[in-house]
N, C-alpha and C. Protein backbone atom coordinates (compact mmCIF):
# COMPACT_ATOMS: atom_id res chain seq x y z
N MET A 1 41.22 94.50 21.93
CA MET A 1 41.26 95.54 23.07
C MET A 1 42.82 95.96 23.27
N SER A 2 42.93 97.27 23.39
CA SER A 2 44.29 97.73 23.72
C SER A 2 44.83 97.37 25.02
N ASP A 3 46.37 97.28 24.85
CA ASP A 3 47.03 97.05 26.15
C ASP A 3 46.64 97.76 27.32
N ALA A 4 46.40 99.12 27.07
CA ALA A 4 46.03 100.08 28.29
C ALA A 4 44.87 99.64 29.04
N VAL A 5 43.77 99.32 28.03
CA VAL A 5 42.41 98.75 28.69
C VAL A 5 42.65 97.72 29.40
N VAL A 6 43.29 96.77 28.85
CA VAL A 6 43.58 95.25 29.45
C VAL A 6 44.41 95.52 30.85
N ALA A 7 45.40 96.35 30.68
CA ALA A 7 46.12 96.68 32.01
C ALA A 7 45.32 97.21 33.19
N LYS A 8 44.38 98.20 32.74
CA LYS A 8 43.55 98.79 33.81
C LYS A 8 42.68 97.73 34.25
N ARG A 9 42.02 96.87 33.55
CA ARG A 9 41.11 95.87 34.09
C ARG A 9 41.94 94.89 34.95
N TYR A 10 43.00 94.59 34.73
CA TYR A 10 43.97 93.80 35.61
C TYR A 10 44.10 94.45 36.96
N ALA A 11 44.56 95.78 36.92
CA ALA A 11 44.74 96.59 37.94
C ALA A 11 43.35 96.78 38.70
N ASP A 12 42.41 96.87 38.24
CA ASP A 12 41.11 96.94 38.78
C ASP A 12 40.88 95.81 39.56
N ALA A 13 40.92 94.57 39.08
CA ALA A 13 40.56 93.31 39.84
C ALA A 13 41.68 93.02 40.67
N LEU A 14 42.93 93.53 40.76
CA LEU A 14 43.96 93.18 41.80
C LEU A 14 43.46 94.17 42.95
N PHE A 15 43.12 95.30 42.43
CA PHE A 15 42.88 96.56 43.50
C PHE A 15 41.42 95.83 44.41
N GLN A 16 40.36 95.36 43.78
CA GLN A 16 39.18 94.88 44.38
C GLN A 16 39.81 93.74 45.41
N ILE A 17 40.63 92.92 45.04
CA ILE A 17 40.85 91.72 45.79
C ILE A 17 41.61 92.23 46.93
N GLY A 18 42.43 93.30 46.77
CA GLY A 18 43.40 93.68 47.96
C GLY A 18 42.42 94.59 48.89
N ASP A 19 41.45 95.22 48.36
CA ASP A 19 40.44 95.98 49.12
C ASP A 19 39.58 94.99 49.89
N GLU A 20 39.12 93.85 49.38
CA GLU A 20 38.28 93.16 50.16
C GLU A 20 39.03 92.58 51.18
N LYS A 21 40.53 91.86 50.99
CA LYS A 21 41.23 91.31 51.99
C LYS A 21 42.08 92.25 53.00
N ALA A 22 41.84 93.73 52.59
CA ALA A 22 42.64 94.72 53.42
C ALA A 22 43.88 94.51 53.31
N THR A 23 44.42 94.30 52.01
CA THR A 23 46.03 94.15 51.95
C THR A 23 46.76 95.31 51.04
N LEU A 24 45.76 96.26 50.69
CA LEU A 24 46.23 97.33 49.83
C LEU A 24 47.77 97.86 49.84
N ASP A 25 47.93 98.22 51.19
CA ASP A 25 49.32 98.77 51.59
C ASP A 25 50.41 97.64 51.12
N GLN A 26 50.21 96.47 51.71
CA GLN A 26 51.17 95.42 51.08
C GLN A 26 51.21 95.26 49.90
N LEU A 27 49.98 95.19 49.11
CA LEU A 27 50.20 95.32 47.45
C LEU A 27 50.91 96.20 46.88
N ILE A 28 50.59 97.50 47.28
CA ILE A 28 51.35 98.66 46.67
C ILE A 28 52.88 98.47 46.86
N GLU A 29 53.43 98.08 47.91
CA GLU A 29 54.91 97.95 48.17
C GLU A 29 55.36 96.84 47.31
N GLU A 30 54.57 95.68 47.21
CA GLU A 30 55.23 94.42 46.64
C GLU A 30 55.08 94.89 44.93
N LEU A 31 54.02 95.54 44.33
CA LEU A 31 53.90 95.91 43.21
C LEU A 31 55.04 96.85 42.71
N GLY A 32 55.32 97.79 43.61
CA GLY A 32 56.62 98.57 43.40
C GLY A 32 57.88 97.83 43.13
N VAL A 33 57.92 96.76 43.79
CA VAL A 33 59.13 95.81 43.90
C VAL A 33 59.16 95.16 42.33
N VAL A 34 57.83 94.68 41.95
CA VAL A 34 57.62 94.08 40.77
C VAL A 34 57.99 94.85 39.58
N LYS A 35 57.53 96.28 39.72
CA LYS A 35 57.83 97.26 38.67
C LYS A 35 59.29 97.46 38.41
N GLU A 36 59.91 97.61 39.66
CA GLU A 36 61.36 97.74 39.60
C GLU A 36 62.21 96.55 38.98
N VAL A 37 61.98 95.38 39.36
CA VAL A 37 62.35 94.39 38.79
C VAL A 37 62.33 94.18 37.09
N PHE A 38 61.02 94.51 36.73
CA PHE A 38 60.74 94.33 35.38
C PHE A 38 61.39 95.56 34.68
N GLU A 39 61.48 96.57 35.11
CA GLU A 39 62.29 97.92 34.64
C GLU A 39 63.73 97.70 34.44
N VAL A 40 64.28 96.87 35.43
CA VAL A 40 65.72 96.94 35.52
C VAL A 40 66.23 95.76 34.67
N ASN A 41 65.41 94.66 34.46
CA ASN A 41 65.78 93.45 33.77
C ASN A 41 65.09 93.30 32.44
N ASP A 42 65.63 93.55 31.40
CA ASP A 42 65.16 93.44 30.08
C ASP A 42 64.92 92.03 29.68
N SER A 43 66.06 91.23 30.34
CA SER A 43 66.18 89.85 29.85
C SER A 43 64.89 88.98 30.39
N LEU A 44 64.48 89.63 31.36
CA LEU A 44 63.10 88.91 32.25
C LEU A 44 62.12 88.86 31.19
N PHE A 45 61.69 90.00 30.61
CA PHE A 45 60.60 90.27 29.50
C PHE A 45 61.12 89.23 28.31
N ILE A 46 62.28 89.10 28.04
CA ILE A 46 62.69 88.39 26.85
C ILE A 46 62.36 86.79 27.07
N PHE A 47 62.71 86.45 28.37
CA PHE A 47 62.48 85.19 28.97
C PHE A 47 60.98 84.98 28.83
N LEU A 48 60.14 85.83 29.51
CA LEU A 48 58.87 85.39 29.69
C LEU A 48 57.91 85.58 28.39
N LYS A 49 58.44 86.26 27.35
CA LYS A 49 57.79 86.34 26.18
C LYS A 49 58.47 85.52 25.08
N HIS A 50 59.33 84.51 25.58
CA HIS A 50 59.99 83.66 24.53
C HIS A 50 58.86 82.46 24.04
N PRO A 51 58.61 82.10 23.00
CA PRO A 51 57.67 81.22 22.60
C PRO A 51 58.15 79.85 22.79
N ARG A 52 59.32 79.57 22.68
CA ARG A 52 59.77 78.13 23.03
C ARG A 52 59.81 77.58 24.49
N ILE A 53 59.61 78.63 25.31
CA ILE A 53 59.63 78.14 26.73
C ILE A 53 58.24 78.15 27.24
N ASN A 54 57.90 76.77 27.86
CA ASN A 54 56.58 76.73 28.04
C ASN A 54 56.14 77.58 29.29
N ASN A 55 54.85 77.51 29.54
CA ASN A 55 54.35 78.43 30.40
C ASN A 55 54.66 77.94 31.88
N GLU A 56 54.59 76.63 32.19
CA GLU A 56 54.91 75.98 33.11
C GLU A 56 56.34 76.41 33.61
N LYS A 57 57.21 76.53 32.92
CA LYS A 57 58.70 76.99 33.30
C LYS A 57 58.68 78.43 33.74
N LYS A 58 58.03 79.17 32.76
CA LYS A 58 57.93 80.62 33.17
C LYS A 58 57.02 80.80 34.55
N LYS A 59 56.05 80.15 34.76
CA LYS A 59 55.47 80.35 36.17
C LYS A 59 56.32 79.92 37.20
N GLN A 60 57.18 78.71 37.04
CA GLN A 60 58.01 78.30 38.02
C GLN A 60 59.01 79.29 38.25
N PHE A 61 59.43 79.91 37.29
CA PHE A 61 60.59 80.89 37.35
C PHE A 61 60.12 82.12 38.03
N LEU A 62 58.79 82.55 37.68
CA LEU A 62 58.15 83.67 38.34
C LEU A 62 58.31 83.45 40.22
N GLU A 63 57.84 82.25 40.45
CA GLU A 63 57.75 81.66 41.82
C GLU A 63 59.12 81.80 42.39
N GLU A 64 60.18 81.53 41.82
CA GLU A 64 61.61 81.63 42.27
C GLU A 64 61.95 82.87 42.41
N VAL A 65 61.79 83.84 41.46
CA VAL A 65 62.18 85.16 41.35
C VAL A 65 61.37 86.26 42.41
N PHE A 66 60.27 85.62 42.70
CA PHE A 66 59.38 86.55 43.58
C PHE A 66 58.80 85.78 44.78
N GLN A 67 59.76 85.03 45.35
CA GLN A 67 59.58 84.19 46.60
C GLN A 67 59.27 85.28 47.78
N GLY A 68 58.21 84.99 48.39
CA GLY A 68 57.74 85.62 49.52
C GLY A 68 56.75 86.70 49.09
N ILE A 69 56.52 86.87 47.91
CA ILE A 69 55.50 87.96 47.50
C ILE A 69 54.15 87.30 47.78
N GLN A 70 53.22 88.28 47.87
CA GLN A 70 51.74 87.76 48.16
C GLN A 70 51.15 87.03 47.04
N THR A 71 50.58 85.90 47.28
CA THR A 71 50.02 85.11 46.34
C THR A 71 49.17 85.74 45.40
N ASP A 72 48.39 86.86 45.68
CA ASP A 72 47.39 87.52 44.71
C ASP A 72 48.44 88.35 43.57
N VAL A 73 49.54 88.76 43.98
CA VAL A 73 50.31 89.35 42.92
C VAL A 73 50.97 88.32 42.10
N LEU A 74 51.41 87.37 42.62
CA LEU A 74 52.24 86.23 42.04
C LEU A 74 50.94 85.50 41.09
N ASN A 75 49.99 85.26 41.63
CA ASN A 75 48.66 84.81 40.56
C ASN A 75 48.50 85.63 39.44
N THR A 76 48.49 86.93 39.55
CA THR A 76 48.30 87.90 38.63
C THR A 76 49.39 87.83 37.65
N LEU A 77 50.65 87.69 37.97
CA LEU A 77 51.74 87.69 37.24
C LEU A 77 51.55 86.32 36.20
N LYS A 78 51.25 85.40 36.82
CA LYS A 78 51.10 84.05 36.24
C LYS A 78 49.99 84.10 35.26
N ILE A 79 48.99 84.64 35.41
CA ILE A 79 47.85 84.68 34.63
C ILE A 79 48.14 85.61 33.50
N LEU A 80 49.07 86.64 33.74
CA LEU A 80 49.46 87.44 32.44
C LEU A 80 50.49 86.76 31.51
N VAL A 81 51.34 85.78 32.14
CA VAL A 81 52.25 85.21 31.28
C VAL A 81 51.24 84.01 30.77
N GLU A 82 50.41 83.39 31.16
CA GLU A 82 49.57 82.39 30.46
C GLU A 82 48.66 82.89 29.31
N ARG A 83 48.41 84.14 29.54
CA ARG A 83 47.57 84.96 28.32
C ARG A 83 48.68 85.80 27.46
N GLN A 84 49.79 85.62 27.45
CA GLN A 84 50.85 86.33 26.78
C GLN A 84 50.73 87.79 27.02
N ARG A 85 50.48 88.33 28.24
CA ARG A 85 50.22 89.77 28.37
C ARG A 85 51.35 90.30 29.15
N VAL A 86 52.59 89.70 29.09
CA VAL A 86 53.61 90.25 29.96
C VAL A 86 54.06 91.65 29.66
N GLY A 87 53.95 92.00 28.52
CA GLY A 87 54.15 93.44 28.40
C GLY A 87 53.45 94.44 29.07
N ILE A 88 52.21 94.20 29.56
CA ILE A 88 51.48 95.24 30.21
C ILE A 88 51.83 95.36 31.78
N ILE A 89 52.56 94.46 32.25
CA ILE A 89 52.81 94.39 33.63
C ILE A 89 53.22 95.76 34.15
N PRO A 90 54.13 96.69 33.66
CA PRO A 90 54.66 97.99 34.07
C PRO A 90 53.37 98.82 34.06
N SER A 91 52.47 98.92 33.20
CA SER A 91 51.50 99.70 33.21
C SER A 91 50.36 99.37 33.81
N MET A 92 50.20 97.90 34.18
CA MET A 92 49.16 97.54 35.11
C MET A 92 49.50 98.05 36.56
N VAL A 93 50.96 97.99 36.94
CA VAL A 93 51.32 98.28 38.08
C VAL A 93 50.95 99.83 38.31
N ASP A 94 51.32 100.68 37.16
CA ASP A 94 50.98 102.19 37.30
C ASP A 94 49.55 102.34 37.50
N ASP A 95 48.62 101.47 36.79
CA ASP A 95 47.20 101.86 37.00
C ASP A 95 46.61 101.33 38.45
N PHE A 96 47.37 100.57 38.98
CA PHE A 96 47.09 99.91 40.45
C PHE A 96 47.58 101.23 41.41
N ILE A 97 48.73 101.63 41.12
CA ILE A 97 49.07 102.76 42.05
C ILE A 97 48.25 103.88 41.98
N GLN A 98 47.85 104.23 40.75
CA GLN A 98 46.66 105.41 40.66
C GLN A 98 45.41 104.99 41.29
N LEU A 99 44.95 103.74 41.15
CA LEU A 99 43.72 103.49 42.03
C LEU A 99 44.10 103.71 43.43
N TYR A 100 45.14 103.15 43.98
CA TYR A 100 45.48 103.32 45.29
C TYR A 100 45.71 104.67 45.88
N ASN A 101 46.32 105.74 45.02
CA ASN A 101 46.48 106.95 45.39
C ASN A 101 45.06 107.77 45.50
N ASP A 102 44.19 107.34 44.52
CA ASP A 102 42.74 107.91 44.57
C ASP A 102 42.15 107.42 45.70
N ALA A 103 42.09 106.14 46.09
CA ALA A 103 41.57 105.68 47.19
C ALA A 103 41.99 106.33 48.69
N LYS A 104 43.36 106.51 48.57
CA LYS A 104 43.91 107.02 49.85
C LYS A 104 44.22 108.66 49.86
N GLY A 105 43.42 109.47 48.80
CA GLY A 105 43.68 110.64 48.66
C GLY A 105 44.98 111.15 48.48
N ILE A 106 45.85 110.52 47.72
CA ILE A 106 47.27 110.79 47.47
C ILE A 106 47.37 111.05 46.22
N ALA A 107 48.19 112.32 45.69
CA ALA A 107 48.60 112.83 44.55
C ALA A 107 50.17 112.93 44.33
N GLU A 108 50.55 112.64 43.43
CA GLU A 108 52.12 112.35 43.24
C GLU A 108 52.49 113.86 42.37
N ALA A 109 53.45 114.30 42.79
CA ALA A 109 53.85 115.69 42.18
C ALA A 109 55.35 115.63 41.72
N THR A 110 55.68 116.14 40.54
CA THR A 110 57.16 116.19 39.98
C THR A 110 57.44 117.65 40.26
N VAL A 111 58.56 118.05 41.07
CA VAL A 111 59.00 119.23 41.16
C VAL A 111 60.37 119.48 40.38
N TYR A 112 60.52 120.49 39.49
CA TYR A 112 61.69 120.49 38.83
C TYR A 112 62.28 121.81 39.32
N SER A 113 63.51 121.78 39.93
CA SER A 113 64.28 122.90 40.40
C SER A 113 65.50 123.05 40.21
N VAL A 114 66.36 124.09 40.37
CA VAL A 114 67.57 124.30 40.09
C VAL A 114 68.53 123.31 40.81
N ARG A 115 68.20 123.42 42.10
CA ARG A 115 68.95 122.69 43.13
C ARG A 115 68.07 121.49 43.77
N GLU A 116 68.61 120.53 44.48
CA GLU A 116 67.82 119.63 45.44
C GLU A 116 67.10 120.44 46.22
N LEU A 117 65.74 120.22 46.44
CA LEU A 117 65.07 120.84 47.69
C LEU A 117 65.24 120.31 48.93
N SER A 118 65.29 121.05 50.15
CA SER A 118 65.49 120.43 51.43
C SER A 118 64.13 119.97 51.82
N GLN A 119 64.34 119.09 52.99
CA GLN A 119 63.09 118.47 53.45
C GLN A 119 62.08 119.63 54.05
N THR A 120 62.49 120.56 54.26
CA THR A 120 61.66 121.54 54.98
C THR A 120 60.85 122.22 53.66
N GLU A 121 61.52 122.48 52.70
CA GLU A 121 60.75 122.93 51.46
C GLU A 121 59.98 121.96 50.94
N LYS A 122 60.17 120.72 50.85
CA LYS A 122 59.37 119.69 50.26
C LYS A 122 58.15 119.50 51.25
N LYS A 123 58.26 119.79 52.48
CA LYS A 123 57.17 119.52 53.33
C LYS A 123 56.17 120.59 53.12
N GLU A 124 56.89 121.86 52.91
CA GLU A 124 55.97 123.08 52.84
C GLU A 124 55.33 123.08 51.30
N LEU A 125 55.91 122.54 50.42
CA LEU A 125 55.13 122.35 49.12
C LEU A 125 54.10 121.08 49.22
N GLU A 126 54.35 120.12 49.94
CA GLU A 126 53.25 119.13 50.14
C GLU A 126 51.90 119.61 50.80
N ALA A 127 52.29 120.40 51.97
CA ALA A 127 51.08 120.86 52.70
C ALA A 127 50.35 121.81 51.81
N SER A 128 50.94 122.90 51.14
CA SER A 128 50.52 123.71 50.42
C SER A 128 49.66 123.11 49.18
N PHE A 129 50.28 122.29 48.40
CA PHE A 129 49.36 121.58 47.32
C PHE A 129 48.37 120.77 47.82
N ALA A 130 48.56 119.93 48.97
CA ALA A 130 47.63 119.08 49.51
C ALA A 130 46.25 119.78 49.70
N LYS A 131 46.39 121.03 50.35
CA LYS A 131 45.18 121.90 50.48
C LYS A 131 44.44 122.41 49.11
N ARG A 132 45.38 122.74 48.21
CA ARG A 132 45.13 123.24 46.92
C ARG A 132 44.21 122.12 45.98
N PHE A 133 44.76 121.00 46.23
CA PHE A 133 44.08 119.91 45.40
C PHE A 133 43.29 118.96 46.25
N ASP A 134 42.92 119.40 47.44
CA ASP A 134 42.02 118.84 48.29
C ASP A 134 42.57 117.16 48.52
N LYS A 135 43.71 117.01 48.65
CA LYS A 135 44.27 115.65 49.03
C LYS A 135 44.80 115.46 50.40
N ASN A 136 44.88 114.35 50.76
CA ASN A 136 45.51 113.92 52.24
C ASN A 136 46.91 114.21 52.07
N THR A 137 47.51 113.81 51.15
CA THR A 137 49.08 113.65 50.92
C THR A 137 49.39 114.14 49.47
N ILE A 138 50.52 114.67 49.30
CA ILE A 138 51.22 114.90 48.09
C ILE A 138 52.65 114.29 48.32
N LYS A 139 52.98 113.29 47.44
CA LYS A 139 54.31 112.75 47.40
C LYS A 139 54.99 113.48 46.17
N ILE A 140 56.21 113.95 46.62
CA ILE A 140 56.95 115.05 45.72
C ILE A 140 58.22 114.30 45.31
N LYS A 141 58.41 114.22 43.95
CA LYS A 141 59.63 113.83 43.16
C LYS A 141 60.39 114.85 42.94
N ASN A 142 61.60 115.15 43.32
CA ASN A 142 62.39 116.52 42.97
C ASN A 142 63.31 116.02 41.75
N ILE A 143 63.18 116.73 40.83
CA ILE A 143 64.20 116.59 39.65
C ILE A 143 64.90 117.80 39.45
N VAL A 144 66.27 117.76 39.47
CA VAL A 144 67.06 118.97 39.39
C VAL A 144 67.34 119.18 37.84
N ASP A 145 67.14 120.59 37.70
CA ASP A 145 67.12 120.90 36.14
C ASP A 145 67.75 122.50 36.09
N PRO A 146 69.11 122.48 36.00
CA PRO A 146 69.84 123.67 35.93
C PRO A 146 69.35 124.54 34.82
N GLU A 147 68.72 124.27 33.69
CA GLU A 147 68.16 125.13 32.58
C GLU A 147 67.10 125.94 33.06
N LEU A 148 66.45 125.72 34.05
CA LEU A 148 65.25 126.70 34.79
C LEU A 148 65.79 128.01 35.06
N ILE A 149 67.11 128.21 35.51
CA ILE A 149 67.54 129.46 35.71
C ILE A 149 67.36 129.68 37.28
N GLY A 150 66.13 129.68 37.56
CA GLY A 150 65.78 129.97 38.98
C GLY A 150 64.07 129.53 39.13
N GLY A 151 63.67 129.56 40.39
CA GLY A 151 62.29 129.06 40.35
C GLY A 151 62.11 127.71 40.44
N MET A 152 60.94 127.34 40.19
CA MET A 152 60.39 125.80 40.18
C MET A 152 59.39 125.66 39.24
N LYS A 153 59.17 124.44 38.81
CA LYS A 153 57.95 124.04 38.15
C LYS A 153 57.64 122.70 38.76
N ILE A 154 55.97 122.72 38.94
CA ILE A 154 55.33 121.73 39.52
C ILE A 154 54.44 120.91 38.69
N ARG A 155 54.52 119.72 38.45
CA ARG A 155 53.49 119.01 37.75
C ARG A 155 52.83 118.03 38.62
N ILE A 156 51.56 118.26 38.83
CA ILE A 156 50.62 117.16 39.42
C ILE A 156 49.43 116.98 38.55
N GLY A 157 49.64 115.62 38.06
CA GLY A 157 48.60 115.12 37.16
C GLY A 157 48.98 115.65 35.68
N SER A 158 47.74 116.32 35.25
CA SER A 158 48.14 117.04 33.98
C SER A 158 48.17 118.83 34.10
N THR A 159 48.21 119.08 35.32
CA THR A 159 48.43 120.45 35.73
C THR A 159 49.79 120.82 36.15
N ILE A 160 50.37 121.90 35.48
CA ILE A 160 51.62 122.34 35.55
C ILE A 160 51.65 123.81 36.02
N TYR A 161 52.56 123.90 37.16
CA TYR A 161 52.46 125.43 37.72
C TYR A 161 54.01 125.68 37.32
N ASP A 162 54.13 126.68 36.64
CA ASP A 162 55.60 127.20 36.14
C ASP A 162 55.96 128.43 36.86
N GLY A 163 56.85 128.49 37.90
CA GLY A 163 57.12 129.66 38.44
C GLY A 163 58.77 129.86 38.12
N THR A 164 59.13 129.29 37.05
CA THR A 164 60.45 129.36 36.71
C THR A 164 60.83 130.62 36.02
N ILE A 165 62.01 131.19 36.15
CA ILE A 165 62.49 132.39 35.51
C ILE A 165 62.50 131.91 34.13
N SER A 166 63.12 131.03 33.48
CA SER A 166 62.94 130.53 32.11
C SER A 166 61.60 130.74 31.49
N GLY A 167 60.44 130.13 32.20
CA GLY A 167 59.22 130.29 31.79
C GLY A 167 58.64 131.51 31.75
N LYS A 168 59.03 132.25 32.79
CA LYS A 168 58.60 133.52 32.85
C LYS A 168 59.05 134.54 31.38
N LEU A 169 60.48 134.13 31.13
CA LEU A 169 61.02 134.87 30.02
C LEU A 169 60.27 134.63 28.83
N LYS A 170 60.03 133.19 28.64
CA LYS A 170 59.26 132.69 27.54
C LYS A 170 57.87 133.31 27.20
N ARG A 171 57.06 133.47 28.58
CA ARG A 171 55.83 133.97 28.28
C ARG A 171 55.87 135.59 27.96
N MET A 172 57.01 136.18 28.43
CA MET A 172 57.28 137.65 28.06
C MET A 172 57.62 137.77 26.43
N GLU A 173 58.47 136.83 26.25
CA GLU A 173 58.79 136.85 24.63
C GLU A 173 57.59 136.65 23.84
N ARG A 174 56.70 135.70 24.32
CA ARG A 174 55.46 135.47 23.53
C ARG A 174 54.57 136.65 23.45
N SER A 175 54.20 137.47 24.78
CA SER A 175 53.51 138.42 24.59
C SER A 175 54.22 139.65 23.85
N ILE A 176 55.43 139.64 23.88
CA ILE A 176 55.87 140.87 23.10
C ILE A 176 55.83 140.54 21.49
N VAL A 177 56.03 139.38 21.20
CA VAL A 177 55.68 138.77 19.78
C VAL A 177 54.35 139.24 19.30
N THR A 178 53.46 138.80 20.08
CA THR A 178 51.69 138.95 19.69
C THR A 178 51.66 140.30 19.65
N VAL A 179 52.18 141.32 20.18
CA VAL A 179 52.03 142.53 20.26
C VAL A 179 52.09 143.36 18.87
N ASN A 180 53.38 142.69 18.48
CA ASN A 180 53.65 143.40 17.31
C ASN A 180 53.20 142.90 16.01
């Protein structure tokens, strides 16, 4: 079974537990911390994957690193260690975040612009695209890209809205080439 399918199954199971216990909001926060810890510390993966370190030491280490974290999250991490599935933790967290966002009517958008957007501009974009995508909320992540020349490009899921000057120039170039 592929790692993506396995990660999705663990995310589904953890989501169901959180839904039953009404702890989804707390789980999403804690899983964000877990993902950040794993992304920042490559040595953590190396330690947890090391074949000569027994699982009990690995589990004890997880308890020390993630003190105060909800037991459901900690137990999920321990199970992943036991089953040598540590590598899927970041994708499992991503799958959980997607499930959470779908349940709460939240979409994540990446906005590429020439300059940092103001809070007012972000709020206007959030309101506009929340209506367009029939979502309660749009969370915007702004990435500054000076190569755009002007305008902005917005990516929500697999949909891209390109209102950049560089994008318009490329479309014009393609239309001129296809005419000839």
